[in-house]
PDB file of N, CA and C in Angstrom:
ATOM      1  N   MET A   1       0.867  -1.185  -0.052  1.00  0.00           N
ATOM      2  CA  MET A   1      -0.007  -0.008  -0.034  1.00  0.00           C
ATOM      3  C   MET A   1       0.851   1.233   0.008  1.00  0.00           C
ATOM      4  N   LYS A   2       0.545   2.212  -0.800  1.00  0.00           N
ATOM      5  CA  LYS A   2       1.360   3.420  -0.933  1.00  0.00           C
ATOM      6  C   LYS A   2       1.059   4.328   0.314  1.00  0.00           C
ATOM      7  N   ALA A   3       2.009   5.159   0.604  1.00  0.00           N
ATOM      8  CA  ALA A   3       1.919   6.055   1.690  1.00  0.00           C
ATOM      9  C   ALA A   3       0.919   7.196   1.358  1.00  0.00           C
ATOM     10  N   GLU A   4       0.852   7.573   0.039  1.00  0.00           N
ATOM     11  CA  GLU A   4      -0.070   8.625  -0.354  1.00  0.00           C
ATOM     12  C   GLU A   4      -0.591   8.244  -1.709  1.00  0.00           C
ATOM     13  N   TYR A   5      -1.823   8.701  -1.953  1.00  0.00           N
ATOM     14  CA  TYR A   5      -2.529   8.374  -3.255  1.00  0.00           C
ATOM     15  C   TYR A   5      -2.898   9.760  -3.923  1.00  0.00           C
ATOM     16  N   ASP A   6      -2.822   9.890  -5.227  1.00  0.00           N
ATOM     17  CA  ASP A   6      -3.212  11.097  -5.951  1.00  0.00           C
ATOM     18  C   ASP A   6      -4.649  11.012  -6.464  1.00  0.00           C
ATOM     19  N   PHE A   7      -5.515  11.756  -5.787  1.00  0.00           N
ATOM     20  CA  PHE A   7      -6.909  11.793  -6.172  1.00  0.00           C
ATOM     21  C   PHE A   7      -7.259  13.035  -6.889  1.00  0.00           C
ATOM     22  N   SER A   8      -6.366  13.717  -7.514  1.00  0.00           N
ATOM     23  CA  SER A   8      -6.582  15.011  -8.227  1.00  0.00           C
ATOM     24  C   SER A   8      -7.443  14.775  -9.447  1.00  0.00           C
ATOM     25  N   LYS A   9      -7.358  13.641 -10.096  1.00  0.00           N
ATOM     26  CA  LYS A   9      -8.103  13.355 -11.337  1.00  0.00           C
ATOM     27  C   LYS A   9      -9.261  12.341 -11.033  1.00  0.00           C
ATOM     28  N   ALA A  10      -9.605  12.173  -9.696  1.00  0.00           N
ATOM     29  CA  ALA A  10     -10.627  11.213  -9.416  1.00  0.00           C
ATOM     30  C   ALA A  10     -12.018  11.827  -9.669  1.00  0.00           C
ATOM     31  N   LYS A  11     -12.968  10.897  -9.858  1.00  0.00           N
ATOM     32  CA  LYS A  11     -14.364  11.315 -10.176  1.00  0.00           C
ATOM     33  C   LYS A  11     -15.237  10.664  -9.081  1.00  0.00           C
ATOM     34  N   ARG A  12     -16.234  11.413  -8.663  1.00  0.00           N
ATOM     35  CA  ARG A  12     -17.153  10.826  -7.691  1.00  0.00           C
ATOM     36  C   ARG A  12     -18.270  10.048  -8.453  1.00  0.00           C
ATOM     37  N   GLY A  13     -18.860   9.101  -7.757  1.00  0.00           N
ATOM     38  CA  GLY A  13     -19.926   8.330  -8.330  1.00  0.00           C
ATOM     39  C   GLY A  13     -19.686   6.853  -8.287  1.00  0.00           C
ATOM     40  N   ALA A  14     -20.638   6.173  -8.920  1.00  0.00           N
ATOM     41  CA  ALA A  14     -20.546   4.714  -8.919  1.00  0.00           C
ATOM     42  C   ALA A  14     -19.328   4.240  -9.669  1.00  0.00           C
ATOM     43  N   VAL A  15     -18.774   3.159  -9.222  1.00  0.00           N
ATOM     44  CA  VAL A  15     -17.622   2.583  -9.808  1.00  0.00           C
ATOM     45  C   VAL A  15     -17.983   2.027 -11.175  1.00  0.00           C
ATOM     46  N   VAL A  16     -19.091   1.335 -11.318  1.00  0.00           N
ATOM     47  CA  VAL A  16     -19.587   0.799 -12.525  1.00  0.00           C
ATOM     48  C   VAL A  16     -20.950   1.470 -12.833  1.00  0.00           C
ATOM     49  N   PRO A  17     -20.953   2.324 -13.869  1.00  0.00           N
ATOM     50  CA  PRO A  17     -22.216   3.025 -14.185  1.00  0.00           C
ATOM     51  C   PRO A  17     -23.282   2.061 -14.630  1.00  0.00           C
ATOM     52  N   GLN A  18     -24.532   2.359 -14.268  1.00  0.00           N
ATOM     53  CA  GLN A  18     -25.633   1.525 -14.623  1.00  0.00           C
ATOM     54  C   GLN A  18     -26.218   2.028 -15.996  1.00  0.00           C
ATOM     55  N   THR A  19     -26.200   1.231 -17.021  1.00  0.00           N
ATOM     56  CA  THR A  19     -26.731   1.672 -18.358  1.00  0.00           C
ATOM     57  C   THR A  19     -28.214   1.408 -18.294  1.00  0.00           C
ATOM     58  N   GLY A  20     -28.920   2.396 -18.840  1.00  0.00           N
ATOM     59  CA  GLY A  20     -30.402   2.251 -18.938  1.00  0.00           C
ATOM     60  C   GLY A  20     -31.115   2.514 -17.655  1.00  0.00           C
ATOM     61  N   LYS A  21     -30.456   3.111 -16.696  1.00  0.00           N
ATOM     62  CA  LYS A  21     -31.068   3.348 -15.347  1.00  0.00           C
ATOM     63  C   LYS A  21     -30.643   4.733 -14.945  1.00  0.00           C
ATOM     64  N   THR A  22     -31.578   5.454 -14.184  1.00  0.00           N
ATOM     65  CA  THR A  22     -31.319   6.751 -13.666  1.00  0.00           C
ATOM     66  C   THR A  22     -31.550   6.802 -12.250  1.00  0.00           C
ATOM     67  N   ARG A  23     -30.619   7.422 -11.533  1.00  0.00           N
ATOM     68  CA  ARG A  23     -30.754   7.560 -10.090  1.00  0.00           C
ATOM     69  C   ARG A  23     -31.722   8.701  -9.743  1.00  0.00           C
ATOM     70  N   ILE A  24     -32.735   8.443  -8.921  1.00  0.00           N
ATOM     71  CA  ILE A  24     -33.710   9.477  -8.552  1.00  0.00           C
ATOM     72  C   ILE A  24     -33.932   9.382  -7.064  1.00  0.00           C
ATOM     73  N   THR A  25     -34.583  10.478  -6.571  1.00  0.00           N
ATOM     74  CA  THR A  25     -35.025  10.479  -5.184  1.00  0.00           C
ATOM     75  C   THR A  25     -36.558  10.437  -5.203  1.00  0.00           C
ATOM     76  N   ILE A  26     -37.112   9.546  -4.389  1.00  0.00           N
ATOM     77  CA  ILE A  26     -38.564   9.321  -4.376  1.00  0.00           C
ATOM     78  C   ILE A  26     -38.975   9.106  -2.893  1.00  0.00           C
ATOM     79  N   TYR A  27     -40.158   9.626  -2.584  1.00  0.00           N
ATOM     80  CA  TYR A  27     -40.696   9.435  -1.278  1.00  0.00           C
ATOM     81  C   TYR A  27     -41.812   8.340  -1.326  1.00  0.00           C
ATOM     82  N   LEU A  28     -41.591   7.325  -0.501  1.00  0.00           N
ATOM     83  CA  LEU A  28     -42.612   6.226  -0.428  1.00  0.00           C
ATOM     84  C   LEU A  28     -43.022   6.129   1.001  1.00  0.00           C
ATOM     85  N   ASP A  29     -44.266   5.625   1.245  1.00  0.00           N
ATOM     86  CA  ASP A  29     -44.760   5.355   2.590  1.00  0.00           C
ATOM     87  C   ASP A  29     -43.788   4.394   3.267  1.00  0.00           C
ATOM     88  N   ASP A  30     -43.600   4.558   4.515  1.00  0.00           N
ATOM     89  CA  ASP A  30     -42.721   3.715   5.278  1.00  0.00           C
ATOM     90  C   ASP A  30     -43.175   2.231   5.222  1.00  0.00           C
ATOM     91  N   ALA A  31     -44.518   2.011   5.279  1.00  0.00           N
ATOM     92  CA  ALA A  31     -44.963   0.668   5.242  1.00  0.00           C
ATOM     93  C   ALA A  31     -44.711   0.006   3.929  1.00  0.00           C
ATOM     94  N   ILE A  32     -44.853   0.729   2.840  1.00  0.00           N
ATOM     95  CA  ILE A  32     -44.649   0.183   1.533  1.00  0.00           C
ATOM     96  C   ILE A  32     -43.218  -0.189   1.415  1.00  0.00           C
ATOM     97  N   LEU A  33     -42.332   0.708   1.799  1.00  0.00           N
ATOM     98  CA  LEU A  33     -40.840   0.483   1.700  1.00  0.00           C
ATOM     99  C   LEU A  33     -40.515  -0.800   2.524  1.00  0.00           C
ATOM    100  N   GLU A  34     -40.981  -0.914   3.721  1.00  0.00           N
ATOM    101  CA  GLU A  34     -40.692  -2.023   4.559  1.00  0.00           C
ATOM    102  C   GLU A  34     -41.141  -3.267   3.981  1.00  0.00           C
ATOM    103  N   GLU A  35     -42.340  -3.280   3.362  1.00  0.00           N
ATOM    104  CA  GLU A  35     -42.865  -4.525   2.697  1.00  0.00           C
ATOM    105  C   GLU A  35     -42.013  -4.974   1.565  1.00  0.00           C
ATOM    106  N   PHE A  36     -41.524  -3.985   0.766  1.00  0.00           N
ATOM    107  CA  PHE A  36     -40.651  -4.354  -0.324  1.00  0.00           C
ATOM    108  C   PHE A  36     -39.329  -4.870   0.182  1.00  0.00           C
ATOM    109  N   ARG A  37     -38.889  -4.351   1.272  1.00  0.00           N
ATOM    110  CA  ARG A  37     -37.616  -4.879   1.860  1.00  0.00           C
ATOM    111  C   ARG A  37     -37.767  -6.268   2.410  1.00  0.00           C
ATOM    112  N   VAL A  38     -38.882  -6.547   3.076  1.00  0.00           N
ATOM    113  CA  VAL A  38     -39.177  -7.910   3.561  1.00  0.00           C
ATOM    114  C   VAL A  38     -39.289  -8.897   2.364  1.00  0.00           C
ATOM    115  N   ARG A  39     -39.995  -8.528   1.349  1.00  0.00           N
ATOM    116  CA  ARG A  39     -40.134  -9.388   0.184  1.00  0.00           C
ATOM    117  C   ARG A  39     -38.857  -9.595  -0.522  1.00  0.00           C
ATOM    118  N   ALA A  40     -38.027  -8.504  -0.577  1.00  0.00           N
ATOM    119  CA  ALA A  40     -36.724  -8.626  -1.212  1.00  0.00           C
ATOM    120  C   ALA A  40     -35.768  -9.598  -0.485  1.00  0.00           C
ATOM    121  N   ASP A  41     -35.829  -9.536   0.802  1.00  0.00           N
ATOM    122  CA  ASP A  41     -34.975 -10.460   1.612  1.00  0.00           C
ATOM    123  C   ASP A  41     -35.449 -11.921   1.382  1.00  0.00           C
ATOM    124  N   ALA A  42     -36.761 -12.126   1.264  1.00  0.00           N
ATOM    125  CA  ALA A  42     -37.217 -13.501   1.074  1.00  0.00           C
ATOM    126  C   ALA A  42     -36.874 -13.973  -0.366  1.00  0.00           C
ATOM    127  N   ALA A  43     -36.827 -13.074  -1.292  1.00  0.00           N
ATOM    128  CA  ALA A  43     -36.595 -13.418  -2.704  1.00  0.00           C
ATOM    129  C   ALA A  43     -35.090 -13.448  -3.026  1.00  0.00           C
ATOM    130  N   GLY A  44     -34.260 -12.905  -2.136  1.00  0.00           N
ATOM    131  CA  GLY A  44     -32.825 -12.828  -2.374  1.00  0.00           C
ATOM    132  C   GLY A  44     -32.461 -11.730  -3.433  1.00  0.00           C
ATOM    133  N   LYS A  45     -33.273 -10.773  -3.515  1.00  0.00           N
ATOM    134  CA  LYS A  45     -33.058  -9.669  -4.482  1.00  0.00           C
ATOM    135  C   LYS A  45     -32.982  -8.348  -3.649  1.00  0.00           C
ATOM    136  N   GLY A  46     -32.599  -7.246  -4.386  1.00  0.00           N
ATOM    137  CA  GLY A  46     -32.610  -5.950  -3.786  1.00  0.00           C
ATOM    138  C   GLY A  46     -34.034  -5.399  -3.748  1.00  0.00           C
ATOM    139  N   TYR A  47     -34.351  -4.563  -2.817  1.00  0.00           N
ATOM    140  CA  TYR A  47     -35.702  -3.983  -2.731  1.00  0.00           C
ATOM    141  C   TYR A  47     -35.929  -2.993  -3.872  1.00  0.00           C
ATOM    142  N   GLN A  48     -34.932  -2.319  -4.406  1.00  0.00           N
ATOM    143  CA  GLN A  48     -35.140  -1.432  -5.487  1.00  0.00           C
ATOM    144  C   GLN A  48     -35.424  -2.234  -6.772  1.00  0.00           C
ATOM    145  N   THR A  49     -34.812  -3.387  -6.902  1.00  0.00           N
ATOM    146  CA  THR A  49     -35.134  -4.221  -8.038  1.00  0.00           C
ATOM    147  C   THR A  49     -36.584  -4.685  -8.055  1.00  0.00           C
ATOM    148  N   LEU A  50     -37.089  -5.012  -6.808  1.00  0.00           N
ATOM    149  CA  LEU A  50     -38.525  -5.432  -6.722  1.00  0.00           C
ATOM    150  C   LEU A  50     -39.460  -4.245  -7.041  1.00  0.00           C
ATOM    151  N   ILE A  51     -39.051  -3.051  -6.565  1.00  0.00           N
ATOM    152  CA  ILE A  51     -39.901  -1.917  -6.863  1.00  0.00           C
ATOM    153  C   ILE A  51     -39.943  -1.638  -8.356  1.00  0.00           C
ATOM    154  N   ASN A  52     -38.772  -1.743  -8.996  1.00  0.00           N
ATOM    155  CA  ASN A  52     -38.667  -1.606 -10.466  1.00  0.00           C
ATOM    156  C   ASN A  52     -39.560  -2.608 -11.213  1.00  0.00           C
ATOM    157  N   ASP A  53     -39.415  -3.864 -10.743  1.00  0.00           N
ATOM    158  CA  ASP A  53     -40.212  -4.924 -11.337  1.00  0.00           C
ATOM    159  C   ASP A  53     -41.710  -4.719 -11.195  1.00  0.00           C
ATOM    160  N   ALA A  54     -42.134  -4.193  -9.989  1.00  0.00           N
ATOM    161  CA  ALA A  54     -43.536  -4.015  -9.734  1.00  0.00           C
ATOM    162  C   ALA A  54     -44.076  -2.827 -10.629  1.00  0.00           C
ATOM    163  N   LEU A  55     -43.257  -1.770 -10.766  1.00  0.00           N
ATOM    164  CA  LEU A  55     -43.643  -0.609 -11.657  1.00  0.00           C
ATOM    165  C   LEU A  55     -43.734  -1.086 -13.095  1.00  0.00           C
ATOM    166  N   ARG A  56     -42.754  -1.944 -13.559  1.00  0.00           N
ATOM    167  CA  ARG A  56     -42.837  -2.445 -14.904  1.00  0.00           C
ATOM    168  C   ARG A  56     -44.031  -3.241 -15.129  1.00  0.00           C
ATOM    169  N   GLU A  57     -44.442  -4.112 -14.202  1.00  0.00           N
ATOM    170  CA  GLU A  57     -45.556  -5.000 -14.387  1.00  0.00           C
ATOM    171  C   GLU A  57     -46.822  -4.138 -14.388  1.00  0.00           C
ATOM    172  N   TYR A  58     -46.934  -3.153 -13.505  1.00  0.00           N
ATOM    173  CA  TYR A  58     -48.089  -2.239 -13.472  1.00  0.00           C
ATOM    174  C   TYR A  58     -48.294  -1.477 -14.839  1.00  0.00           C
ATOM    175  N   LEU A  59     -47.161  -0.991 -15.315  1.00  0.00           N
ATOM    176  CA  LEU A  59     -47.251  -0.275 -16.592  1.00  0.00           C
ATOM    177  C   LEU A  59     -47.663  -1.159 -17.757  1.00  0.00           C
ATOM    178  N   SER A  60     -47.170  -2.403 -17.764  1.00  0.00           N
ATOM    179  CA  SER A  60     -47.523  -3.303 -18.864  1.00  0.00           C
ATOM    180  C   SER A  60     -48.987  -3.639 -18.794  1.00  0.00           C
ATOM    181  N   LYS A  61     -49.542  -3.902 -17.587  1.00  0.00           N
ATOM    182  CA  LYS A  61     -50.963  -4.158 -17.458  1.00  0.00           C
ATOM    183  C   LYS A  61     -51.813  -2.929 -17.772  1.00  0.00           C
ATOM    184  N   ASP A  62     -51.410  -1.782 -17.245  1.00  0.00           N
ATOM    185  CA  ASP A  62     -52.141  -0.571 -17.360  1.00  0.00           C
ATOM    186  C   ASP A  62     -52.274  -0.116 -18.860  1.00  0.00           C
ATOM    187  N   SER A  63     -51.250  -0.319 -19.726  1.00  0.00           N
ATOM    188  CA  SER A  63     -51.214   0.029 -21.080  1.00  0.00           C
ATOM    189  C   SER A  63     -52.311  -0.776 -21.802  1.00  0.00           C
ATOM    190  N   GLY A  64     -52.503  -1.972 -21.528  1.00  0.00           N
ATOM    191  CA  GLY A  64     -53.579  -2.805 -22.090  1.00  0.00           C
ATOM    192  C   GLY A  64     -54.887  -2.340 -21.704  1.00  0.00           C
ATOM    193  N   ASN A  65     -55.127  -2.027 -20.443  1.00  0.00           N
ATOM    194  CA  ASN A  65     -56.423  -1.441 -20.027  1.00  0.00           C
ATOM    195  C   ASN A  65     -56.700  -0.087 -20.716  1.00  0.00           C
ATOM    196  N   LEU A  66     -55.671   0.743 -20.826  1.00  0.00           N
ATOM    197  CA  LEU A  66     -55.822   2.052 -21.480  1.00  0.00           C
ATOM    198  C   LEU A  66     -56.247   1.845 -22.894  1.00  0.00           C
ATOM    199  N   GLU A  67     -55.649   0.936 -23.600  1.00  0.00           N
ATOM    200  CA  GLU A  67     -55.995   0.691 -25.044  1.00  0.00           C
ATOM    201  C   GLU A  67     -57.453   0.222 -25.151  1.00  0.00           C
ATOM    202  N   GLU A  68     -57.843  -0.729 -24.248  1.00  0.00           N
ATOM    203  CA  GLU A  68     -59.254  -1.224 -24.327  1.00  0.00           C
ATOM    204  C   GLU A  68     -60.216  -0.104 -23.930  1.00  0.00           C
ATOM    205  N   THR A  69     -59.904   0.700 -22.947  1.00  0.00           N
ATOM    206  CA  THR A  69     -60.751   1.777 -22.572  1.00  0.00           C
ATOM    207  C   THR A  69     -60.904   2.749 -23.688  1.00  0.00           C
ATOM    208  N   LEU A  70     -59.789   3.055 -24.422  1.00  0.00           N
ATOM    209  CA  LEU A  70     -59.837   4.047 -25.525  1.00  0.00           C
ATOM    210  C   LEU A  70     -60.683   3.487 -26.632  1.00  0.00           C
ATOM    211  N   ARG A  71     -60.520   2.168 -26.937  1.00  0.00           N
ATOM    212  CA  ARG A  71     -61.333   1.519 -28.007  1.00  0.00           C
ATOM    213  C   ARG A  71     -62.797   1.648 -27.714  1.00  0.00           C
ATOM    214  N   LYS A  72     -63.138   1.357 -26.412  1.00  0.00           N
ATOM    215  CA  LYS A  72     -64.559   1.443 -25.970  1.00  0.00           C
ATOM    216  C   LYS A  72     -65.188   2.787 -26.162  1.00  0.00           C
ATOM    217  N   VAL A  73     -64.375   3.820 -25.722  1.00  0.00           N
ATOM    218  CA  VAL A  73     -64.857   5.182 -25.849  1.00  0.00           C
ATOM    219  C   VAL A  73     -65.044   5.559 -27.328  1.00  0.00           C
ATOM    220  N   ILE A  74     -64.116   5.164 -28.222  1.00  0.00           N
ATOM    221  CA  ILE A  74     -64.219   5.553 -29.591  1.00  0.00           C
ATOM    222  C   ILE A  74     -65.428   4.809 -30.173  1.00  0.00           C
ATOM    223  N   ARG A  75     -65.677   3.569 -29.888  1.00  0.00           N
ATOM    224  CA  ARG A  75     -66.904   2.844 -30.408  1.00  0.00           C
ATOM    225  C   ARG A  75     -68.143   3.577 -29.966  1.00  0.00           C
ATOM    226  N   GLU A  76     -68.156   4.007 -28.610  1.00  0.00           N
ATOM    227  CA  GLU A  76     -69.394   4.644 -28.142  1.00  0.00           C
ATOM    228  C   GLU A  76     -69.605   5.935 -28.832  1.00  0.00           C
ATOM    229  N   GLU A  77     -68.566   6.773 -29.040  1.00  0.00           N
ATOM    230  CA  GLU A  77     -68.709   8.019 -29.689  1.00  0.00           C
ATOM    231  C   GLU A  77     -68.985   7.861 -31.135  1.00  0.00           C
ATOM    232  N   MET A  78     -68.486   6.873 -31.841  1.00  0.00           N
ATOM    233  CA  MET A  78     -68.795   6.703 -33.201  1.00  0.00           C
ATOM    234  C   MET A  78     -70.310   6.272 -33.388  1.00  0.00           C
ATOM    235  N   GLY A  79     -70.829   5.461 -32.398  1.00  0.00           N
ATOM    236  CA  GLY A  79     -72.198   5.060 -32.394  1.00  0.00           C
ATOM    237  C   GLY A  79     -73.091   6.233 -32.196  1.00  0.00           C
ATOM    238  N   ARG A  80     -72.731   7.162 -31.341  1.00  0.00           N
ATOM    239  CA  ARG A  80     -73.560   8.364 -31.143  1.00  0.00           C
ATOM    240  C   ARG A  80     -73.533   9.232 -32.387  1.00  0.00           C
ATOM    241  N   ALA A  81     -72.388   9.368 -33.032  1.00  0.00           N
ATOM    242  CA  ALA A  81     -72.266  10.201 -34.235  1.00  0.00           C
ATOM    243  C   ALA A  81     -72.996   9.771 -35.480  1.00  0.00           C
ATOM    244  N   ALA A  82     -73.234   8.426 -35.459  1.00  0.00           N
ATOM    245  CA  ALA A  82     -73.900   7.842 -36.681  1.00  0.00           C
ATOM    246  C   ALA A  82     -75.401   8.081 -36.688  1.00  0.00           C
TER     247      ALA A  82
END
Protein backbone atom coordinates (compact mmCIF):
# COMPACT_ATOMS: atom_id res chain seq x y z
CA MET A 1 0.00 0.00 0.00
CA LYS A 2 1.30 3.44 -0.91
CA ALA A 3 1.92 6.08 1.70
CA GLU A 4 -0.05 8.61 -0.40
CA TYR A 5 -2.49 8.44 -3.29
CA ASP A 6 -3.18 11.10 -5.93
CA PHE A 7 -6.92 11.78 -6.15
CA SER A 8 -6.58 14.99 -8.19
CA LYS A 9 -8.14 13.34 -11.28
CA ALA A 10 -10.63 11.20 -9.38
CA LYS A 11 -14.36 11.30 -10.13
CA ARG A 12 -17.19 10.86 -7.68
CA GLY A 13 -19.92 8.37 -8.34
CA ALA A 14 -20.56 4.71 -8.91
CA VAL A 15 -17.59 2.57 -9.84
CA VAL A 16 -19.60 0.80 -12.53
CA PRO A 17 -22.21 3.04 -14.17
CA GLN A 18 -25.67 1.53 -14.67
CA THR A 19 -26.70 1.66 -18.32
CA GLY A 20 -30.38 2.27 -18.93
CA LYS A 21 -31.04 3.36 -15.36
CA THR A 22 -31.31 6.77 -13.71
CA ARG A 23 -30.75 7.58 -10.06
CA ILE A 24 -33.71 9.47 -8.56
CA THR A 25 -35.01 10.50 -5.17
CA ILE A 26 -38.54 9.32 -4.36
CA TYR A 27 -40.69 9.43 -1.26
CA LEU A 28 -42.59 6.24 -0.41
CA ASP A 29 -44.74 5.37 2.57
CA ASP A 30 -42.72 3.68 5.30
CA ALA A 31 -45.02 0.65 5.27
CA ILE A 32 -44.64 0.23 1.50
CA LEU A 33 -40.87 0.43 1.67
CA GLU A 34 -40.71 -2.00 4.59
CA GLU A 35 -42.89 -4.52 2.73
CA PHE A 36 -40.63 -4.34 -0.32
CA ARG A 37 -37.59 -4.85 1.90
CA VAL A 38 -39.16 -7.91 3.55
CA ARG A 39 -40.14 -9.40 0.19
CA ALA A 40 -36.70 -8.62 -1.25
CA ASP A 41 -34.99 -10.46 1.62
CA ALA A 42 -37.23 -13.47 1.06
CA ALA A 43 -36.56 -13.45 -2.69
CA GLY A 44 -32.83 -12.82 -2.36
CA LYS A 45 -33.05 -9.64 -4.44
CA GLY A 46 -32.62 -5.95 -3.76
CA TYR A 47 -35.71 -4.00 -2.74
CA GLN A 48 -35.10 -1.43 -5.48
CA THR A 49 -35.13 -4.23 -8.05
CA LEU A 50 -38.50 -5.42 -6.73
CA ILE A 51 -39.91 -1.89 -6.86
CA ASN A 52 -38.68 -1.57 -10.46
CA ASP A 53 -40.24 -4.95 -11.34
CA ALA A 54 -43.55 -3.95 -9.73
CA LEU A 55 -43.65 -0.66 -11.64
CA ARG A 56 -42.79 -2.41 -14.91
CA GLU A 57 -45.58 -4.97 -14.34
CA TYR A 58 -48.10 -2.24 -13.49
CA LEU A 59 -47.24 -0.26 -16.60
CA SER A 60 -47.53 -3.30 -18.87
CA LYS A 61 -50.96 -4.15 -17.45
CA ASP A 62 -52.13 -0.54 -17.42
CA SER A 63 -51.27 0.04 -21.08
CA GLY A 64 -53.54 -2.83 -22.09
CA ASN A 65 -56.40 -1.44 -20.02
CA LEU A 66 -55.82 2.01 -21.47
CA GLU A 67 -56.00 0.69 -25.01
CA GLU A 68 -59.21 -1.23 -24.31
CA THR A 69 -60.77 1.79 -22.60
CA LEU A 70 -59.83 4.01 -25.53
CA ARG A 71 -61.33 1.55 -28.01
CA LYS A 72 -64.55 1.41 -25.98
CA VAL A 73 -64.84 5.19 -25.85
CA ILE A 74 -64.21 5.51 -29.61
CA ARG A 75 -66.86 2.86 -30.39
CA GLU A 76 -69.39 4.63 -28.16
CA GLU A 77 -68.67 8.02 -29.69
CA MET A 78 -68.84 6.67 -33.23
CA GLY A 79 -72.19 5.07 -32.40
CA ARG A 80 -73.53 8.39 -31.16
CA ALA A 81 -72.25 10.25 -34.23
CA ALA A 82 -73.91 7.84 -36.67
